[in-house]
Amino acid sequence: MVKVDSLIKLHALISLNNSEKNGYELMKELKNKLDKKISSSHIYPFLKELKQNYLVNYRKLGREKIYNLTKNGEKFVNETLLKFNEVI
């Protein structure tokens, strides 16, 4: 089971829900949104966990992996947002 226990993970899910991205694009976008340095150790282990749980897929474009949510991933994002909404 994937835990979304940080703003970085939450924003990463929301960003992937909006459009497919590679890891670098995701780090750059999160850095701008959160006004915080985001390293690959924040992003790639989370993407790997999402992949292992069938929540994201990727396609190769040269050496890059372009990540996108699966149908289960889209459902997971919606459920996660509902949980956060209840807290707020």
PDB file of N, CA and C in Angstrom:
ATOM      1  N   MET A   1       0.834  -1.184   0.000  1.00  0.00           N
ATOM      2  CA  MET A   1       0.000   0.000   0.000  1.00  0.00           C
ATOM      3  C   MET A   1       0.882   1.252   0.000  1.00  0.00           C
ATOM      4  N   VAL A   2       0.540   2.204  -0.825  1.00  0.00           N
ATOM      5  CA  VAL A   2       1.298   3.442  -0.967  1.00  0.00           C
ATOM      6  C   VAL A   2       0.811   4.452   0.074  1.00  0.00           C
ATOM      7  N   LYS A   3       1.760   5.024   0.803  1.00  0.00           N
ATOM      8  CA  LYS A   3       1.422   6.071   1.773  1.00  0.00           C
ATOM      9  C   LYS A   3       1.768   7.428   1.173  1.00  0.00           C
ATOM     10  N   VAL A   4       0.827   8.334   1.273  1.00  0.00           N
ATOM     11  CA  VAL A   4       1.073   9.716   0.857  1.00  0.00           C
ATOM     12  C   VAL A   4       1.168  10.519   2.148  1.00  0.00           C
ATOM     13  N   ASP A   5       2.397  10.624   2.645  1.00  0.00           N
ATOM     14  CA  ASP A   5       2.616  11.210   3.958  1.00  0.00           C
ATOM     15  C   ASP A   5       3.446  12.493   3.922  1.00  0.00           C
ATOM     16  N   SER A   6       3.458  13.134   2.759  1.00  0.00           N
ATOM     17  CA  SER A   6       4.177  14.404   2.660  1.00  0.00           C
ATOM     18  C   SER A   6       3.557  15.249   1.550  1.00  0.00           C
ATOM     19  N   LEU A   7       3.792  16.543   1.632  1.00  0.00           N
ATOM     20  CA  LEU A   7       3.309  17.439   0.578  1.00  0.00           C
ATOM     21  C   LEU A   7       3.989  17.149  -0.748  1.00  0.00           C
ATOM     22  N   ILE A   8       5.222  16.701  -0.695  1.00  0.00           N
ATOM     23  CA  ILE A   8       5.947  16.377  -1.923  1.00  0.00           C
ATOM     24  C   ILE A   8       5.229  15.251  -2.662  1.00  0.00           C
ATOM     25  N   LYS A   9       4.882  14.190  -1.948  1.00  0.00           N
ATOM     26  CA  LYS A   9       4.181  13.067  -2.572  1.00  0.00           C
ATOM     27  C   LYS A   9       2.802  13.487  -3.072  1.00  0.00           C
ATOM     28  N   LEU A  10       2.097  14.274  -2.280  1.00  0.00           N
ATOM     29  CA  LEU A  10       0.772  14.732  -2.690  1.00  0.00           C
ATOM     30  C   LEU A  10       0.860  15.567  -3.965  1.00  0.00           C
ATOM     31  N   HIS A  11       1.775  16.507  -3.996  1.00  0.00           N
ATOM     32  CA  HIS A  11       1.936  17.347  -5.188  1.00  0.00           C
ATOM     33  C   HIS A  11       2.416  16.535  -6.392  1.00  0.00           C
ATOM     34  N   ALA A  12       3.245  15.532  -6.153  1.00  0.00           N
ATOM     35  CA  ALA A  12       3.700  14.676  -7.253  1.00  0.00           C
ATOM     36  C   ALA A  12       2.509  13.955  -7.877  1.00  0.00           C
ATOM     37  N   LEU A  13       1.623  13.434  -7.046  1.00  0.00           N
ATOM     38  CA  LEU A  13       0.425  12.757  -7.562  1.00  0.00           C
ATOM     39  C   LEU A  13      -0.464  13.716  -8.343  1.00  0.00           C
ATOM     40  N   ILE A  14      -0.670  14.900  -7.795  1.00  0.00           N
ATOM     41  CA  ILE A  14      -1.512  15.889  -8.472  1.00  0.00           C
ATOM     42  C   ILE A  14      -0.890  16.280  -9.810  1.00  0.00           C
ATOM     43  N   SER A  15       0.410  16.452  -9.822  1.00  0.00           N
ATOM     44  CA  SER A  15       1.101  16.824 -11.048  1.00  0.00           C
ATOM     45  C   SER A  15       0.968  15.734 -12.114  1.00  0.00           C
ATOM     46  N   LEU A  16       1.137  14.482 -11.710  1.00  0.00           N
ATOM     47  CA  LEU A  16       0.988  13.369 -12.656  1.00  0.00           C
ATOM     48  C   LEU A  16      -0.458  13.216 -13.113  1.00  0.00           C
ATOM     49  N   ASN A  17      -1.383  13.629 -12.265  1.00  0.00           N
ATOM     50  CA  ASN A  17      -2.796  13.574 -12.637  1.00  0.00           C
ATOM     51  C   ASN A  17      -3.100  14.596 -13.732  1.00  0.00           C
ATOM     52  N   ASN A  18      -2.335  15.682 -13.746  1.00  0.00           N
ATOM     53  CA  ASN A  18      -2.544  16.736 -14.745  1.00  0.00           C
ATOM     54  C   ASN A  18      -1.915  16.398 -16.096  1.00  0.00           C
ATOM     55  N   SER A  19      -0.743  15.774 -16.077  1.00  0.00           N
ATOM     56  CA  SER A  19      -0.078  15.409 -17.339  1.00  0.00           C
ATOM     57  C   SER A  19       1.083  14.471 -17.058  1.00  0.00           C
ATOM     58  N   GLU A  20       1.482  13.740 -18.086  1.00  0.00           N
ATOM     59  CA  GLU A  20       2.616  12.839 -17.941  1.00  0.00           C
ATOM     60  C   GLU A  20       3.906  13.654 -17.865  1.00  0.00           C
ATOM     61  N   LYS A  21       4.877  13.109 -17.120  1.00  0.00           N
ATOM     62  CA  LYS A  21       6.133  13.830 -16.908  1.00  0.00           C
ATOM     63  C   LYS A  21       7.262  12.848 -16.684  1.00  0.00           C
ATOM     64  N   ASN A  22       8.482  13.302 -16.951  1.00  0.00           N
ATOM     65  CA  ASN A  22       9.638  12.523 -16.525  1.00  0.00           C
ATOM     66  C   ASN A  22      10.019  12.980 -15.112  1.00  0.00           C
ATOM     67  N   GLY A  23      10.920  12.264 -14.491  1.00  0.00           N
ATOM     68  CA  GLY A  23      11.291  12.576 -13.114  1.00  0.00           C
ATOM     69  C   GLY A  23      11.860  13.970 -12.945  1.00  0.00           C
ATOM     70  N   TYR A  24      12.680  14.403 -13.902  1.00  0.00           N
ATOM     71  CA  TYR A  24      13.278  15.738 -13.807  1.00  0.00           C
ATOM     72  C   TYR A  24      12.212  16.826 -13.887  1.00  0.00           C
ATOM     73  N   GLU A  25      11.275  16.680 -14.813  1.00  0.00           N
ATOM     74  CA  GLU A  25      10.183  17.664 -14.928  1.00  0.00           C
ATOM     75  C   GLU A  25       9.380  17.729 -13.635  1.00  0.00           C
ATOM     76  N   LEU A  26       9.157  16.581 -13.037  1.00  0.00           N
ATOM     77  CA  LEU A  26       8.415  16.512 -11.781  1.00  0.00           C
ATOM     78  C   LEU A  26       9.166  17.239 -10.671  1.00  0.00           C
ATOM     79  N   MET A  27      10.472  17.000 -10.570  1.00  0.00           N
ATOM     80  CA  MET A  27      11.282  17.681  -9.541  1.00  0.00           C
ATOM     81  C   MET A  27      11.252  19.193  -9.736  1.00  0.00           C
ATOM     82  N   LYS A  28      11.404  19.622 -10.990  1.00  0.00           N
ATOM     83  CA  LYS A  28      11.416  21.052 -11.297  1.00  0.00           C
ATOM     84  C   LYS A  28      10.081  21.713 -10.947  1.00  0.00           C
ATOM     85  N   GLU A  29       8.994  21.056 -11.328  1.00  0.00           N
ATOM     86  CA  GLU A  29       7.676  21.605 -11.032  1.00  0.00           C
ATOM     87  C   GLU A  29       7.421  21.683  -9.528  1.00  0.00           C
ATOM     88  N   LEU A  30       7.800  20.643  -8.802  1.00  0.00           N
ATOM     89  CA  LEU A  30       7.587  20.644  -7.350  1.00  0.00           C
ATOM     90  C   LEU A  30       8.454  21.694  -6.667  1.00  0.00           C
ATOM     91  N   LYS A  31       9.661  21.883  -7.162  1.00  0.00           N
ATOM     92  CA  LYS A  31      10.537  22.924  -6.607  1.00  0.00           C
ATOM     93  C   LYS A  31       9.869  24.286  -6.742  1.00  0.00           C
ATOM     94  N   ASN A  32       9.287  24.566  -7.905  1.00  0.00           N
ATOM     95  CA  ASN A  32       8.622  25.846  -8.128  1.00  0.00           C
ATOM     96  C   ASN A  32       7.363  25.995  -7.277  1.00  0.00           C
ATOM     97  N   LYS A  33       6.570  24.935  -7.172  1.00  0.00           N
ATOM     98  CA  LYS A  33       5.316  25.015  -6.422  1.00  0.00           C
ATOM     99  C   LYS A  33       5.534  25.085  -4.923  1.00  0.00           C
ATOM    100  N   LEU A  34       6.503  24.314  -4.422  1.00  0.00           N
ATOM    101  CA  LEU A  34       6.710  24.235  -2.980  1.00  0.00           C
ATOM    102  C   LEU A  34       7.790  25.185  -2.482  1.00  0.00           C
ATOM    103  N   ASP A  35       8.475  25.850  -3.416  1.00  0.00           N
ATOM    104  CA  ASP A  35       9.562  26.764  -3.067  1.00  0.00           C
ATOM    105  C   ASP A  35      10.560  26.075  -2.132  1.00  0.00           C
ATOM    106  N   LYS A  36      10.942  24.868  -2.545  1.00  0.00           N
ATOM    107  CA  LYS A  36      11.816  24.031  -1.731  1.00  0.00           C
ATOM    108  C   LYS A  36      12.660  23.188  -2.670  1.00  0.00           C
ATOM    109  N   LYS A  37      13.901  22.931  -2.276  1.00  0.00           N
ATOM    110  CA  LYS A  37      14.757  22.077  -3.107  1.00  0.00           C
ATOM    111  C   LYS A  37      14.229  20.646  -3.062  1.00  0.00           C
ATOM    112  N   ILE A  38      14.023  20.087  -4.233  1.00  0.00           N
ATOM    113  CA  ILE A  38      13.534  18.714  -4.354  1.00  0.00           C
ATOM    114  C   ILE A  38      14.649  17.899  -5.003  1.00  0.00           C
ATOM    115  N   SER A  39      15.030  16.817  -4.361  1.00  0.00           N
ATOM    116  CA  SER A  39      16.098  15.987  -4.916  1.00  0.00           C
ATOM    117  C   SER A  39      15.518  14.714  -5.515  1.00  0.00           C
ATOM    118  N   SER A  40      16.350  14.020  -6.242  1.00  0.00           N
ATOM    119  CA  SER A  40      15.915  12.769  -6.866  1.00  0.00           C
ATOM    120  C   SER A  40      15.525  11.739  -5.805  1.00  0.00           C
ATOM    121  N   SER A  41      16.099  11.833  -4.617  1.00  0.00           N
ATOM    122  CA  SER A  41      15.743  10.890  -3.543  1.00  0.00           C
ATOM    123  C   SER A  41      14.329  11.119  -3.025  1.00  0.00           C
ATOM    124  N   HIS A  42      13.746  12.281  -3.315  1.00  0.00           N
ATOM    125  CA  HIS A  42      12.342  12.530  -2.990  1.00  0.00           C
ATOM    126  C   HIS A  42      11.422  11.898  -4.025  1.00  0.00           C
ATOM    127  N   ILE A  43      11.837  11.891  -5.272  1.00  0.00           N
ATOM    128  CA  ILE A  43      10.955  11.547  -6.383  1.00  0.00           C
ATOM    129  C   ILE A  43      11.062  10.100  -6.840  1.00  0.00           C
ATOM    130  N   TYR A  44      12.263   9.646  -7.145  1.00  0.00           N
ATOM    131  CA  TYR A  44      12.402   8.333  -7.788  1.00  0.00           C
ATOM    132  C   TYR A  44      11.969   7.148  -6.920  1.00  0.00           C
ATOM    133  N   PRO A  45      12.251   7.131  -5.628  1.00  0.00           N
ATOM    134  CA  PRO A  45      11.719   6.022  -4.822  1.00  0.00           C
ATOM    135  C   PRO A  45      10.175   6.015  -4.795  1.00  0.00           C
ATOM    136  N   PHE A  46       9.577   7.194  -4.784  1.00  0.00           N
ATOM    137  CA  PHE A  46       8.114   7.279  -4.794  1.00  0.00           C
ATOM    138  C   PHE A  46       7.562   6.800  -6.133  1.00  0.00           C
ATOM    139  N   LEU A  47       8.193   7.198  -7.240  1.00  0.00           N
ATOM    140  CA  LEU A  47       7.757   6.713  -8.556  1.00  0.00           C
ATOM    141  C   LEU A  47       7.894   5.192  -8.639  1.00  0.00           C
ATOM    142  N   LYS A  48       8.967   4.657  -8.089  1.00  0.00           N
ATOM    143  CA  LYS A  48       9.165   3.207  -8.086  1.00  0.00           C
ATOM    144  C   LYS A  48       8.060   2.514  -7.284  1.00  0.00           C
ATOM    145  N   GLU A  49       7.725   3.076  -6.141  1.00  0.00           N
ATOM    146  CA  GLU A  49       6.657   2.517  -5.306  1.00  0.00           C
ATOM    147  C   GLU A  49       5.309   2.565  -6.046  1.00  0.00           C
ATOM    148  N   LEU A  50       5.044   3.674  -6.719  1.00  0.00           N
ATOM    149  CA  LEU A  50       3.809   3.791  -7.502  1.00  0.00           C
ATOM    150  C   LEU A  50       3.781   2.750  -8.612  1.00  0.00           C
ATOM    151  N   LYS A  51       4.918   2.539  -9.275  1.00  0.00           N
ATOM    152  CA  LYS A  51       5.011   1.550 -10.353  1.00  0.00           C
ATOM    153  C   LYS A  51       4.774   0.138  -9.816  1.00  0.00           C
ATOM    154  N   GLN A  52       5.374  -0.179  -8.685  1.00  0.00           N
ATOM    155  CA  GLN A  52       5.220  -1.511  -8.092  1.00  0.00           C
ATOM    156  C   GLN A  52       3.777  -1.791  -7.678  1.00  0.00           C
ATOM    157  N   ASN A  53       3.033  -0.741  -7.399  1.00  0.00           N
ATOM    158  CA  ASN A  53       1.631  -0.885  -7.004  1.00  0.00           C
ATOM    159  C   ASN A  53       0.672  -0.639  -8.166  1.00  0.00           C
ATOM    160  N   TYR A  54       1.212  -0.622  -9.385  1.00  0.00           N
ATOM    161  CA  TYR A  54       0.419  -0.483 -10.619  1.00  0.00           C
ATOM    162  C   TYR A  54      -0.383   0.823 -10.676  1.00  0.00           C
ATOM    163  N   LEU A  55       0.190   1.875 -10.092  1.00  0.00           N
ATOM    164  CA  LEU A  55      -0.479   3.178 -10.100  1.00  0.00           C
ATOM    165  C   LEU A  55       0.083   4.085 -11.179  1.00  0.00           C
ATOM    166  N   VAL A  56       1.287   3.802 -11.656  1.00  0.00           N
ATOM    167  CA  VAL A  56       1.865   4.522 -12.793  1.00  0.00           C
ATOM    168  C   VAL A  56       2.471   3.518 -13.771  1.00  0.00           C
ATOM    169  N   ASN A  57       2.548   3.951 -15.001  1.00  0.00           N
ATOM    170  CA  ASN A  57       3.295   3.270 -16.052  1.00  0.00           C
ATOM    171  C   ASN A  57       4.308   4.268 -16.573  1.00  0.00           C
ATOM    172  N   TYR A  58       5.214   3.800 -17.377  1.00  0.00           N
ATOM    173  CA  TYR A  58       6.104   4.731 -18.065  1.00  0.00           C
ATOM    174  C   TYR A  58       6.388   4.210 -19.453  1.00  0.00           C
ATOM    175  N   ARG A  59       6.751   5.156 -20.292  1.00  0.00           N
ATOM    176  CA  ARG A  59       7.221   4.802 -21.630  1.00  0.00           C
ATOM    177  C   ARG A  59       8.597   5.428 -21.772  1.00  0.00           C
ATOM    178  N   LYS A  60       9.430   4.769 -22.540  1.00  0.00           N
ATOM    179  CA  LYS A  60      10.786   5.283 -22.737  1.00  0.00           C
ATOM    180  C   LYS A  60      10.809   6.211 -23.942  1.00  0.00           C
ATOM    181  N   LEU A  61      11.470   7.330 -23.768  1.00  0.00           N
ATOM    182  CA  LEU A  61      11.701   8.287 -24.840  1.00  0.00           C
ATOM    183  C   LEU A  61      13.204   8.542 -24.811  1.00  0.00           C
ATOM    184  N   GLY A  62      13.927   7.801 -25.629  1.00  0.00           N
ATOM    185  CA  GLY A  62      15.387   7.837 -25.536  1.00  0.00           C
ATOM    186  C   GLY A  62      15.791   7.202 -24.223  1.00  0.00           C
ATOM    187  N   ARG A  63      16.531   7.955 -23.425  1.00  0.00           N
ATOM    188  CA  ARG A  63      16.946   7.453 -22.109  1.00  0.00           C
ATOM    189  C   ARG A  63      15.966   7.824 -21.007  1.00  0.00           C
ATOM    190  N   GLU A  64      15.015   8.694 -21.317  1.00  0.00           N
ATOM    191  CA  GLU A  64      14.059   9.166 -20.319  1.00  0.00           C
ATOM    192  C   GLU A  64      12.909   8.194 -20.134  1.00  0.00           C
ATOM    193  N   LYS A  65      12.364   8.188 -18.925  1.00  0.00           N
ATOM    194  CA  LYS A  65      11.122   7.479 -18.642  1.00  0.00           C
ATOM    195  C   LYS A  65      10.052   8.552 -18.431  1.00  0.00           C
ATOM    196  N   ILE A  66       8.997   8.471 -19.212  1.00  0.00           N
ATOM    197  CA  ILE A  66       7.884   9.406 -19.094  1.00  0.00           C
ATOM    198  C   ILE A  66       6.775   8.684 -18.329  1.00  0.00           C
ATOM    199  N   TYR A  67       6.450   9.203 -17.142  1.00  0.00           N
ATOM    200  CA  TYR A  67       5.487   8.550 -16.257  1.00  0.00           C
ATOM    201  C   TYR A  67       4.079   9.098 -16.472  1.00  0.00           C
ATOM    202  N   ASN A  68       3.099   8.194 -16.383  1.00  0.00           N
ATOM    203  CA  ASN A  68       1.702   8.588 -16.422  1.00  0.00           C
ATOM    204  C   ASN A  68       0.907   7.683 -15.485  1.00  0.00           C
ATOM    205  N   LEU A  69      -0.195   8.199 -14.985  1.00  0.00           N
ATOM    206  CA  LEU A  69      -1.040   7.417 -14.083  1.00  0.00           C
ATOM    207  C   LEU A  69      -1.813   6.356 -14.854  1.00  0.00           C
ATOM    208  N   THR A  70      -2.005   5.216 -14.221  1.00  0.00           N
ATOM    209  CA  THR A  70      -2.893   4.192 -14.753  1.00  0.00           C
ATOM    210  C   THR A  70      -4.316   4.548 -14.298  1.00  0.00           C
ATOM    211  N   LYS A  71      -5.297   3.773 -14.722  1.00  0.00           N
ATOM    212  CA  LYS A  71      -6.679   3.987 -14.241  1.00  0.00           C
ATOM    213  C   LYS A  71      -6.728   3.820 -12.724  1.00  0.00           C
ATOM    214  N   ASN A  72      -6.020   2.800 -12.208  1.00  0.00           N
ATOM    215  CA  ASN A  72      -5.957   2.628 -10.749  1.00  0.00           C
ATOM    216  C   ASN A  72      -5.265   3.813 -10.093  1.00  0.00           C
ATOM    217  N   GLY A  73      -4.260   4.370 -10.760  1.00  0.00           N
ATOM    218  CA  GLY A  73      -3.564   5.545 -10.240  1.00  0.00           C
ATOM    219  C   GLY A  73      -4.468   6.759 -10.171  1.00  0.00           C
ATOM    220  N   GLU A  74      -5.289   6.951 -11.196  1.00  0.00           N
ATOM    221  CA  GLU A  74      -6.241   8.068 -11.196  1.00  0.00           C
ATOM    222  C   GLU A  74      -7.235   7.914 -10.044  1.00  0.00           C
ATOM    223  N   LYS A  75      -7.702   6.693  -9.836  1.00  0.00           N
ATOM    224  CA  LYS A  75      -8.625   6.414  -8.733  1.00  0.00           C
ATOM    225  C   LYS A  75      -7.941   6.687  -7.389  1.00  0.00           C
ATOM    226  N   PHE A  76      -6.678   6.257  -7.283  1.00  0.00           N
ATOM    227  CA  PHE A  76      -5.903   6.471  -6.058  1.00  0.00           C
ATOM    228  C   PHE A  76      -5.736   7.962  -5.762  1.00  0.00           C
ATOM    229  N   VAL A  77      -5.448   8.752  -6.786  1.00  0.00           N
ATOM    230  CA  VAL A  77      -5.304  10.202  -6.601  1.00  0.00           C
ATOM    231  C   VAL A  77      -6.618  10.791  -6.090  1.00  0.00           C
ATOM    232  N   ASN A  78      -7.734  10.422  -6.700  1.00  0.00           N
ATOM    233  CA  ASN A  78      -9.034  10.947  -6.272  1.00  0.00           C
ATOM    234  C   ASN A  78      -9.345  10.553  -4.829  1.00  0.00           C
ATOM    235  N   GLU A  79      -9.074   9.309  -4.469  1.00  0.00           N
ATOM    236  CA  GLU A  79      -9.308   8.858  -3.089  1.00  0.00           C
ATOM    237  C   GLU A  79      -8.404   9.602  -2.111  1.00  0.00           C
ATOM    238  N   THR A  80      -7.156   9.813  -2.505  1.00  0.00           N
ATOM    239  CA  THR A  80      -6.207  10.518  -1.648  1.00  0.00           C
ATOM    240  C   THR A  80      -6.640  11.969  -1.440  1.00  0.00           C
ATOM    241  N   LEU A  81      -7.077  12.611  -2.514  1.00  0.00           N
ATOM    242  CA  LEU A  81      -7.540  13.996  -2.399  1.00  0.00           C
ATOM    243  C   LEU A  81      -8.772  14.091  -1.511  1.00  0.00           C
ATOM    244  N   LEU A  82      -9.660  13.126  -1.594  1.00  0.00           N
ATOM    245  CA  LEU A  82     -10.840  13.114  -0.721  1.00  0.00           C
ATOM    246  C   LEU A  82     -10.430  12.980   0.739  1.00  0.00           C
ATOM    247  N   LYS A  83      -9.445  12.137   1.021  1.00  0.00           N
ATOM    248  CA  LYS A  83      -8.961  11.976   2.407  1.00  0.00           C
ATOM    249  C   LYS A  83      -8.353  13.281   2.916  1.00  0.00           C
ATOM    250  N   PHE A  84      -7.542  13.925   2.095  1.00  0.00           N
ATOM    251  CA  PHE A  84      -6.935  15.194   2.507  1.00  0.00           C
ATOM    252  C   PHE A  84      -8.001  16.264   2.680  1.00  0.00           C
ATOM    253  N   ASN A  85      -9.008  16.238   1.844  1.00  0.00           N
ATOM    254  CA  ASN A  85     -10.101  17.208   1.937  1.00  0.00           C
ATOM    255  C   ASN A  85     -10.840  17.044   3.280  1.00  0.00           C
ATOM    256  N   GLU A  86     -11.029  15.813   3.718  1.00  0.00           N
ATOM    257  CA  GLU A  86     -11.684  15.570   4.999  1.00  0.00           C
ATOM    258  C   GLU A  86     -10.871  16.143   6.157  1.00  0.00           C
ATOM    259  N   VAL A  87      -9.563  16.026   6.060  1.00  0.00           N
ATOM    260  CA  VAL A  87      -8.683  16.554   7.109  1.00  0.00           C
ATOM    261  C   VAL A  87      -8.757  18.076   7.153  1.00  0.00           C
ATOM    262  N   ILE A  88      -8.773  18.682   5.959  1.00  0.00           N
ATOM    263  CA  ILE A  88      -8.806  20.140   5.879  1.00  0.00           C
ATOM    264  C   ILE A  88     -10.164  20.644   6.320  1.00  0.00           C
TER     265      ILE A  88
END
